[in-house]
């Protein structure tokens, strides 16, 4: 007895097929990497580009003999001529020549030096003695103008600002005294922007006050600034709303041409009796758009002139359709004018807006001319039809003057229309109808 007998299962039951697992793509271990390291990376690409094994096993040329020797060296950055030793790579028994490779990183500051005669002539100061000035310049030479360290090492009690003021005043006086002409040193930083000890003291005092504030004071100051910003924005919005209610003058000068966009609806000829509704609504709509654009630009305070020009062009073309806008751009390209000025100065933007306004005026006049020509041609066609000997054209009121001719057979009319459709082009409509298609004669029973 087995498990199938206990469970009551038939002995010839089909065993469930094992689910086939997806085969993993076998990746070949790259050369130069051990199996353990490759297993730790999980088959991912190494962070550092691998070096080819051929480069690791590359041997130097046979004609070069490389040795390492313990040799002395001197550093030009040191003034004491100290001799130190290090390992040096020797190729074919020839030691390397030149200065120490790290000597180029030693950067020093050129400190101004003066003589006793120059001090008595240019550098005398009642607040400083010659001994203190000499000590200051010696420390500046030793510590490369690190005035925090210099103030710590200075023998007398002098502040950092006083040490800076003395050093830069002496350097500036010596620079001016040794210059052949004042124009040669007019662009020097020491002459152009002299050190201001009072301003530096005030800056540090204000910085210390800011750093010494508590969290409560910082929070209160942030609330005051936020409230001031909110009040300023509300006042600017109110001012913009008041200015938007004012009418925009039509005779704007070149200065206001940049702010006010062109109104294409006012370009219709006064002799035209027909006005489109879009042209009548355009002035008020563009005036409101101009006012809203001016208010939005004032809210920005700082903006690019090209951005303002784009807004004005959009306001000027708001009443025109996409086809009209494309025709304006096509006209600008035909004239060799850029769609956006390359140098968007105030005068250039004003002239660009004026040119767009004139192009819109031209396109509007062309539309009016086409409309008038179509209307005149229709009038000419109507007057030609009234002359004798010419067939009359159907018009809206032509059915009133037409005489009524009764038709005796309704079926005959239908047969005649069907026959006209089947006729080939070029046949005469007056041709006699076939016998089987002729209308039957009316009888007394039909009347």
Protein backbone atom coordinates (compact mmCIF):
# COMPACT_ATOMS: atom_id res chain seq x y z
CA UNK A 1 0.00 0.00 0.00
CA UNK A 2 1.36 3.33 -0.98
CA UNK A 3 0.31 6.97 -0.59
CA UNK A 4 -2.00 6.85 -3.63
CA UNK A 5 -4.00 4.00 -2.09
CA UNK A 6 -4.34 5.92 1.18
CA UNK A 7 -5.50 9.08 -0.59
CA UNK A 8 -7.76 7.15 -2.94
CA UNK A 9 -6.04 8.37 -6.08
CA UNK A 10 -5.85 6.28 -9.23
CA UNK A 11 -2.51 4.75 -9.86
CA UNK A 12 -2.40 5.81 -13.50
CA UNK A 13 -2.91 9.53 -12.71
CA UNK A 14 -0.90 11.93 -14.85
CA UNK A 15 1.80 13.63 -12.88
CA UNK A 16 1.87 17.37 -12.98
CA UNK A 17 4.47 18.70 -15.26
CA UNK A 18 7.16 20.69 -13.62
CA UNK A 19 7.01 24.37 -14.32
CA UNK A 20 9.80 25.37 -16.59
CA UNK A 21 11.92 28.09 -15.09
CA UNK A 22 13.18 30.86 -17.32
CA UNK A 23 16.75 30.30 -18.24
CA UNK A 24 19.15 32.88 -16.98
CA UNK A 25 21.40 34.51 -19.44
CA UNK A 26 24.84 33.26 -18.73
CA UNK A 27 27.36 36.08 -18.68
CA UNK A 28 30.95 35.40 -19.23
CA UNK A 29 33.35 36.71 -16.61
CA UNK A 30 35.50 39.46 -18.10
CA UNK A 31 39.21 39.04 -18.16
CA UNK A 32 41.31 40.64 -15.44
CA UNK A 33 38.68 40.17 -12.66
CA UNK A 34 38.70 37.31 -10.23
CA UNK A 35 35.65 35.09 -9.83
CA UNK A 36 34.98 36.21 -6.24
CA UNK A 37 35.09 39.92 -7.10
CA UNK A 38 32.82 39.39 -10.10
CA UNK A 39 30.33 37.51 -7.91
CA UNK A 40 30.26 40.40 -5.42
CA UNK A 41 29.44 42.94 -8.15
CA UNK A 42 26.49 40.82 -9.26
CA UNK A 43 27.42 41.08 -12.92
CA UNK A 44 27.15 44.87 -12.95
CA UNK A 45 29.58 47.10 -14.71
CA UNK A 46 32.47 48.20 -12.50
CA UNK A 47 32.47 51.73 -11.16
CA UNK A 48 36.04 52.25 -12.26
CA UNK A 49 36.90 51.41 -15.87
CA UNK A 50 38.73 48.14 -15.96
CA UNK A 51 42.31 48.07 -17.15
CA UNK A 52 43.12 45.60 -19.83
CA UNK A 53 45.28 42.70 -18.78
CA UNK A 54 47.65 43.47 -21.61
CA UNK A 55 48.37 46.84 -20.04
CA UNK A 56 49.06 45.28 -16.64
CA UNK A 57 51.49 42.75 -18.09
CA UNK A 58 53.13 45.24 -20.39
CA UNK A 59 56.87 45.25 -19.96
CA UNK A 60 59.09 48.30 -20.41
CA UNK A 61 61.25 48.53 -23.49
CA UNK A 62 64.33 46.40 -23.36
CA UNK A 63 66.62 49.36 -24.15
CA UNK A 64 65.55 51.23 -20.97
CA UNK A 65 67.09 50.41 -17.63
CA UNK A 66 65.05 51.81 -14.74
CA UNK A 67 66.37 51.99 -11.19
CA UNK A 68 65.35 53.80 -7.99
CA UNK A 69 67.90 55.68 -5.93
CA UNK A 70 67.84 57.55 -2.61
CA UNK A 71 69.02 61.05 -3.60
CA UNK A 72 69.09 64.46 -1.90
CA UNK A 73 67.06 67.44 -3.17
CA UNK A 74 66.47 71.12 -2.35
CA UNK A 75 63.29 73.13 -2.52
CA UNK A 76 63.43 76.60 -4.07
CA UNK A 77 60.46 77.64 -1.93
CA UNK A 78 62.68 77.45 1.17
CA UNK A 79 65.21 80.11 1.93
CA UNK A 80 67.38 78.06 4.35
CA UNK A 81 68.85 75.73 1.67
CA UNK A 82 67.63 72.63 3.50
CA UNK A 83 68.73 69.28 2.03
CA UNK A 84 66.23 66.42 2.16
CA UNK A 85 66.22 62.95 0.61
CA UNK A 86 63.66 60.97 -1.39
CA UNK A 87 63.46 58.09 -3.84
CA UNK A 88 64.06 59.10 -7.47
CA UNK A 89 63.32 57.11 -10.62
CA UNK A 90 66.50 56.83 -12.68
CA UNK A 91 66.30 55.92 -16.37
CA UNK A 92 69.49 54.58 -17.93
CA UNK A 93 71.55 55.98 -15.06
CA UNK A 94 70.57 59.64 -15.78
CA UNK A 95 69.05 61.37 -12.73
CA UNK A 96 66.26 63.96 -13.33
CA UNK A 97 67.17 67.64 -13.41
CA UNK A 98 65.24 70.77 -12.55
CA UNK A 99 63.53 72.22 -9.52
CA UNK A 100 61.52 70.27 -7.00
CA UNK A 101 58.15 69.32 -8.55
CA UNK A 102 56.11 70.74 -5.64
CA UNK A 103 57.90 74.07 -5.48
CA UNK A 104 55.48 75.58 -8.01
CA UNK A 105 52.65 75.40 -5.46
CA UNK A 106 54.38 77.82 -3.11
CA UNK A 107 52.60 81.13 -3.77
CA UNK A 108 53.66 84.25 -1.88
CA UNK A 109 52.32 87.79 -1.70
CA UNK A 110 54.45 90.69 -2.88
CA UNK A 111 54.69 92.99 0.13
CA UNK A 112 55.52 96.66 -0.41
CA UNK A 113 58.91 97.72 0.94
CA UNK A 114 60.04 101.25 1.72
CA UNK A 115 63.17 103.07 2.82
CA UNK A 116 63.72 105.47 5.69
CA UNK A 117 63.68 108.48 3.36
CA UNK A 118 60.38 107.38 1.81
CA UNK A 119 58.87 106.83 5.24
CA UNK A 120 59.79 110.30 6.41
CA UNK A 121 58.51 111.83 3.19
CA UNK A 122 55.27 109.94 2.48
CA UNK A 123 54.33 107.60 5.34
CA UNK A 124 54.43 109.67 8.52
CA UNK A 125 51.33 109.16 10.68
CA UNK A 126 50.79 110.51 14.23
CA UNK A 127 48.86 107.36 15.20
CA UNK A 128 51.68 105.03 14.16
CA UNK A 129 55.38 104.96 14.90
CA UNK A 130 58.02 103.70 12.52
CA UNK A 131 58.78 100.69 14.75
CA UNK A 132 55.12 99.58 14.75
CA UNK A 133 54.90 100.02 10.98
CA UNK A 134 58.06 97.95 10.50
CA UNK A 135 56.72 95.19 12.75
CA UNK A 136 53.41 95.22 10.86
CA UNK A 137 55.09 94.76 7.48
CA UNK A 138 57.36 92.02 8.81
CA UNK A 139 54.33 90.10 10.06
CA UNK A 140 52.53 90.68 6.75
CA UNK A 141 55.53 89.19 4.95
CA UNK A 142 55.66 86.20 7.30
CA UNK A 143 51.91 85.37 7.30
CA UNK A 144 50.93 86.48 3.75
CA UNK A 145 48.43 89.16 4.79
CA UNK A 146 46.45 86.88 7.12
CA UNK A 147 45.39 89.76 9.33
CA UNK A 148 43.66 87.58 11.93
CA UNK A 149 46.97 85.88 12.67
CA UNK A 150 48.84 89.19 12.38
CA UNK A 151 46.54 90.82 14.97
CA UNK A 152 47.16 87.89 17.30
CA UNK A 153 50.94 88.20 16.94
CA UNK A 154 51.13 91.99 16.95
CA UNK A 155 52.77 93.26 20.19
CA UNK A 156 50.48 96.24 20.82
CA UNK A 157 46.71 96.16 21.11
CA UNK A 158 45.52 96.95 17.61
CA UNK A 159 42.30 95.80 15.98
CA UNK A 160 42.19 93.99 12.67
CA UNK A 161 40.60 97.02 11.00
CA UNK A 162 43.37 99.32 12.21
CA UNK A 163 46.08 96.94 10.93
CA UNK A 164 44.36 96.70 7.53
CA UNK A 165 43.93 100.46 7.32
CA UNK A 166 47.63 101.08 8.08
CA UNK A 167 48.91 98.49 5.62
CA UNK A 168 46.66 99.53 2.69
CA UNK A 169 47.24 103.24 3.30
CA UNK A 170 51.05 102.72 3.20
CA UNK A 171 50.80 100.53 0.08
CA UNK A 172 48.57 103.10 -1.65
CA UNK A 173 50.86 106.02 -0.76
CA UNK A 174 53.96 104.19 -2.03
CA UNK A 175 52.16 103.18 -5.24
CA UNK A 176 51.19 106.79 -5.95
CA UNK A 177 54.64 108.14 -5.05
CA UNK A 178 56.53 105.69 -7.28
CA UNK A 179 54.18 105.97 -10.28
CA UNK A 180 55.52 108.09 -13.18
CA UNK A 181 52.07 109.61 -13.82
CA UNK A 182 48.69 109.42 -12.06
CA UNK A 183 47.06 107.98 -15.17
CA UNK A 184 49.20 104.85 -15.06
CA UNK A 185 47.75 103.71 -11.73
CA UNK A 186 44.21 105.09 -12.04
CA UNK A 187 42.82 101.57 -12.59
CA UNK A 188 44.73 99.89 -9.74
CA UNK A 189 42.44 98.44 -7.02
CA UNK A 190 44.29 100.19 -4.21
CA UNK A 191 43.78 103.56 -5.91
CA UNK A 192 40.35 102.97 -7.38
CA UNK A 193 38.75 101.47 -4.26
CA UNK A 194 40.67 102.52 -1.12
CA UNK A 195 40.09 100.70 2.13
CA UNK A 196 37.34 102.32 4.26
CA UNK A 197 37.86 101.48 7.93
CA UNK A 198 34.58 103.06 9.13
CA UNK A 199 32.53 101.13 6.58
CA UNK A 200 34.23 97.87 7.49
CA UNK A 201 33.59 98.49 11.20
CA UNK A 202 29.91 99.24 10.53
CA UNK A 203 29.57 96.12 8.38
CA UNK A 204 30.97 93.88 11.09
CA UNK A 205 28.76 95.50 13.72
CA UNK A 206 25.64 94.91 11.62
CA UNK A 207 26.73 91.34 10.93
CA UNK A 208 27.24 90.66 14.63
CA UNK A 209 23.76 92.04 15.38
CA UNK A 210 22.19 89.73 12.81
CA UNK A 211 24.08 86.71 14.09
CA UNK A 212 23.19 87.49 17.70
CA UNK A 213 19.43 87.60 17.08
CA UNK A 214 17.23 85.02 18.74
CA UNK A 215 14.72 82.81 16.94
CA UNK A 216 11.84 84.91 18.27
CA UNK A 217 13.32 88.11 16.82
CA UNK A 218 13.97 86.43 13.48
CA UNK A 219 10.37 85.16 13.36
CA UNK A 220 8.98 88.57 14.21
CA UNK A 221 11.14 90.27 11.59
CA UNK A 222 10.03 87.75 8.95
CA UNK A 223 6.38 88.47 9.79
CA UNK A 224 6.96 92.23 9.45
CA UNK A 225 8.64 91.77 6.08
CA UNK A 226 5.84 89.50 4.84
CA UNK A 227 3.19 92.02 5.90
CA UNK A 228 5.09 94.85 4.20
CA UNK A 229 5.31 92.79 1.00
CA UNK A 230 1.59 92.03 1.10
CA UNK A 231 0.72 95.72 1.55
CA UNK A 232 3.00 96.69 -1.34
CA UNK A 233 1.45 94.11 -3.67
CA UNK A 234 -2.09 95.15 -2.77
CA UNK A 235 -1.26 98.79 -3.45
CA UNK A 236 0.27 97.91 -6.80
CA UNK A 237 -2.81 95.89 -7.78
CA UNK A 238 -5.09 98.76 -6.83
CA UNK A 239 -2.95 101.23 -8.75
CA UNK A 240 -2.99 98.96 -11.81
CA UNK A 241 -6.78 98.66 -11.64
CA UNK A 242 -7.14 102.44 -11.47
CA UNK A 243 -4.85 102.92 -14.45
CA UNK A 244 -6.69 100.26 -16.45
CA UNK A 245 -9.93 102.22 -16.08
CA UNK A 246 -8.34 105.32 -17.64
CA UNK A 247 -8.69 105.60 -21.47
CA UNK A 248 -5.56 105.10 -23.53
CA UNK A 249 -4.85 108.21 -25.68
CA UNK A 250 -4.81 107.58 -29.43
CA UNK A 251 -2.17 110.25 -30.18
CA UNK A 252 0.60 108.53 -28.23
CA UNK A 253 4.14 109.75 -28.81
CA UNK A 254 7.21 107.63 -29.50
CA UNK A 255 7.71 107.04 -25.79
CA UNK A 256 4.24 105.53 -25.33
CA UNK A 257 4.42 103.59 -28.58
CA UNK A 258 6.30 100.90 -26.72
CA UNK A 259 3.52 100.52 -24.17
CA UNK A 260 0.40 100.99 -26.33
CA UNK A 261 -0.19 98.46 -29.11
CA UNK A 262 -1.62 99.27 -32.52
CA UNK A 263 -5.40 99.14 -33.04
CA UNK A 264 -6.19 97.57 -36.41
CA UNK A 265 -9.91 98.23 -36.13
CA UNK A 266 -9.52 101.99 -36.64
CA UNK A 267 -7.93 101.65 -40.06
CA UNK A 268 -11.21 101.35 -42.01
CA UNK A 269 -11.79 104.05 -44.60
CA UNK A 270 -14.44 106.60 -43.57
CA UNK A 271 -16.03 106.36 -47.03
CA UNK A 272 -17.00 102.71 -46.49
CA UNK A 273 -20.62 102.28 -45.57
CA UNK A 274 -20.25 98.71 -44.35
CA UNK A 275 -18.49 97.98 -41.06
CA UNK A 276 -17.76 94.55 -39.70
CA UNK A 277 -18.73 93.89 -36.11
CA UNK A 278 -15.21 92.71 -35.24
CA UNK A 279 -13.77 96.02 -36.41
CA UNK A 280 -16.23 97.93 -34.29
CA UNK A 281 -15.44 95.97 -31.16
CA UNK A 282 -11.65 95.87 -31.67
CA UNK A 283 -10.75 99.33 -30.20
CA UNK A 284 -12.39 98.76 -26.85
CA UNK A 285 -11.08 95.19 -26.61
CA UNK A 286 -7.48 96.16 -27.39
CA UNK A 287 -7.68 99.12 -25.02
CA UNK A 288 -8.62 96.77 -22.19
CA UNK A 289 -5.85 94.34 -23.26
CA UNK A 290 -3.28 97.16 -23.28
CA UNK A 291 -4.33 98.29 -19.83
CA UNK A 292 -4.14 94.74 -18.45
CA UNK A 293 -0.70 94.23 -20.04
CA UNK A 294 0.59 97.50 -18.59
CA UNK A 295 -0.70 96.51 -15.15
CA UNK A 296 0.95 93.06 -15.39
CA UNK A 297 4.26 94.61 -16.48
CA UNK A 298 4.18 97.03 -13.56
CA UNK A 299 3.65 94.10 -11.23
CA UNK A 300 6.82 92.47 -12.58
CA UNK A 301 8.86 95.67 -12.03
CA UNK A 302 11.82 94.12 -13.86
CA UNK A 303 11.23 92.45 -17.23
CA UNK A 304 12.88 92.03 -20.58
CA UNK A 305 11.92 94.44 -23.33
CA UNK A 306 11.43 91.49 -25.71
CA UNK A 307 8.84 90.06 -23.31
CA UNK A 308 6.96 93.38 -23.27
CA UNK A 309 7.15 93.53 -27.07
CA UNK A 310 5.66 90.03 -27.37
CA UNK A 311 2.80 91.01 -25.08
CA UNK A 312 2.11 94.17 -27.10
CA UNK A 313 2.17 92.26 -30.40
CA UNK A 314 -0.27 89.69 -29.04
CA UNK A 315 -2.58 92.46 -27.85
CA UNK A 316 -2.40 94.17 -31.26
CA UNK A 317 -3.18 90.91 -33.06
CA UNK A 318 -5.89 89.71 -30.68
CA UNK A 319 -8.75 90.93 -32.91
CA UNK A 320 -7.18 89.46 -36.05
CA UNK A 321 -7.42 85.84 -37.09
CA UNK A 322 -4.63 83.33 -37.49
CA UNK A 323 -4.63 83.84 -41.25
CA UNK A 324 -4.17 87.59 -40.84
CA UNK A 325 -1.34 87.09 -38.34
CA UNK A 326 0.42 84.73 -40.76
CA UNK A 327 0.00 87.27 -43.56
CA UNK A 328 1.55 89.95 -41.34
CA UNK A 329 4.55 87.72 -40.60
CA UNK A 330 4.86 86.84 -44.29
CA UNK A 331 4.85 90.54 -45.19
CA UNK A 332 7.58 91.21 -42.63
CA UNK A 333 9.70 88.43 -44.13
CA UNK A 334 9.15 89.81 -47.64
CA UNK A 335 10.33 93.21 -46.44
CA UNK A 336 13.43 91.63 -44.89
CA UNK A 337 12.41 92.50 -41.33
CA UNK A 338 12.97 90.08 -38.47
CA UNK A 339 9.91 88.87 -36.59
CA UNK A 340 11.72 89.90 -33.40
CA UNK A 341 14.20 92.78 -33.38
CA UNK A 342 17.80 91.73 -32.89
CA UNK A 343 18.56 94.86 -30.84
CA UNK A 344 15.31 95.52 -28.95
CA UNK A 345 15.91 99.09 -27.87
CA UNK A 346 13.07 101.41 -27.01
CA UNK A 347 13.07 103.17 -30.38
CA UNK A 348 13.40 99.89 -32.33
CA UNK A 349 10.46 98.29 -30.50
CA UNK A 350 8.33 101.38 -31.10
CA UNK A 351 9.13 101.32 -34.82
CA UNK A 352 8.46 97.58 -34.96
CA UNK A 353 5.02 98.04 -33.42
CA UNK A 354 4.31 100.92 -35.79
CA UNK A 355 5.28 98.76 -38.79
CA UNK A 356 2.97 95.95 -37.65
CA UNK A 357 0.14 98.47 -37.24
CA UNK A 358 0.66 99.77 -40.76
CA UNK A 359 0.71 96.23 -42.18
CA UNK A 360 -2.57 95.47 -40.38
CA UNK A 361 -3.99 98.69 -41.83
CA UNK A 362 -2.87 97.66 -45.32
CA UNK A 363 -4.43 94.20 -45.01
CA UNK A 364 -7.67 95.71 -43.71
CA UNK A 365 -7.81 98.15 -46.62
CA UNK A 366 -7.19 95.31 -49.06
CA UNK A 367 -10.14 93.41 -47.57
CA UNK A 368 -12.34 96.49 -47.88
CA UNK A 369 -11.20 96.97 -51.49
CA UNK A 370 -12.02 93.39 -52.40
CA UNK A 371 -15.42 93.74 -50.78
CA UNK A 372 -16.15 96.93 -52.73
CA UNK A 373 -14.99 95.39 -56.00
CA UNK A 374 -17.24 92.35 -55.47
CA UNK A 375 -20.16 94.64 -54.64
CA UNK A 376 -19.51 96.77 -57.76
CA UNK A 377 -19.28 93.70 -60.01
CA UNK A 378 -22.62 92.46 -58.69
CA UNK A 379 -24.17 95.86 -59.45
CA UNK A 380 -22.72 95.81 -62.98
CA UNK A 381 -24.11 92.31 -63.62
CA UNK A 382 -27.56 93.43 -62.47
CA UNK A 383 -27.59 96.52 -64.75
CA UNK A 384 -26.44 94.39 -67.74
CA UNK A 385 -29.33 91.97 -67.23
CA UNK A 386 -31.88 94.85 -67.48
CA UNK A 387 -30.82 95.78 -71.04
CA UNK A 388 -33.15 94.54 -73.89
CA UNK A 389 -32.18 91.44 -75.82
CA UNK A 390 -30.43 89.74 -72.91
CA UNK A 391 -31.76 86.91 -70.80
CA UNK A 392 -32.83 87.81 -67.33
CA UNK A 393 -30.88 86.44 -64.40
CA UNK A 394 -32.65 85.10 -61.40
CA UNK A 395 -32.44 87.32 -58.37
CA UNK A 396 -34.04 87.48 -55.00
CA UNK A 397 -37.08 89.37 -56.29
CA UNK A 398 -37.27 87.85 -59.78
CA UNK A 399 -40.10 85.46 -59.00
CA UNK A 400 -42.55 88.34 -58.58
CA UNK A 401 -42.29 89.52 -62.25
CA UNK A 402 -42.34 86.04 -63.72
CA UNK A 403 -45.54 85.13 -65.63
CA UNK A 404 -47.27 81.92 -64.62
CA UNK A 405 -47.65 79.30 -67.37
CA UNK A 406 -49.86 76.42 -66.33
CA UNK A 407 -48.71 72.91 -67.09
CA UNK A 408 -51.38 70.53 -68.20
CA UNK A 409 -49.60 67.38 -67.15
CA UNK A 410 -47.65 66.89 -63.95
CA UNK A 411 -46.33 63.54 -65.14
CA UNK A 412 -45.00 65.05 -68.31
CA UNK A 413 -42.92 67.52 -66.24
CA UNK A 414 -41.38 64.69 -64.29
CA UNK A 415 -40.61 62.73 -67.45
CA UNK A 416 -39.04 65.79 -69.04
CA UNK A 417 -36.75 66.44 -66.03
CA UNK A 418 -35.60 62.83 -65.99
CA UNK A 419 -34.88 63.00 -69.69
CA UNK A 420 -32.81 66.20 -69.25
CA UNK A 421 -30.61 64.42 -66.71
CA UNK A 422 -29.98 61.55 -69.09
CA UNK A 423 -29.12 63.78 -72.04
CA UNK A 424 -25.52 63.85 -73.14
CA UNK A 425 -23.73 67.24 -73.16
CA UNK A 426 -24.11 69.12 -76.41
CA UNK A 427 -27.61 67.95 -77.29
CA UNK A 428 -30.39 70.46 -77.80
CA UNK A 429 -33.24 70.50 -75.36
CA UNK A 430 -35.69 71.25 -78.19
CA UNK A 431 -35.20 67.80 -79.80
CA UNK A 432 -38.45 65.80 -80.18
CA UNK A 433 -39.10 63.22 -77.54
CA UNK A 434 -39.51 59.54 -78.45
CA UNK A 435 -43.00 58.15 -78.86
CA UNK A 436 -42.84 56.04 -75.70
CA UNK A 437 -41.74 59.05 -73.66
CA UNK A 438 -44.17 61.63 -74.97
CA UNK A 439 -46.74 62.90 -72.47
CA UNK A 440 -50.12 61.37 -72.93
CA UNK A 441 -53.02 63.52 -74.00
CA UNK A 442 -55.46 64.62 -71.42
CA UNK A 443 -58.85 63.03 -71.52
CA UNK A 444 -62.16 64.21 -70.35
CA UNK A 445 -62.03 61.74 -67.46
CA UNK A 446 -58.85 63.37 -66.17
CA UNK A 447 -60.34 66.88 -66.12
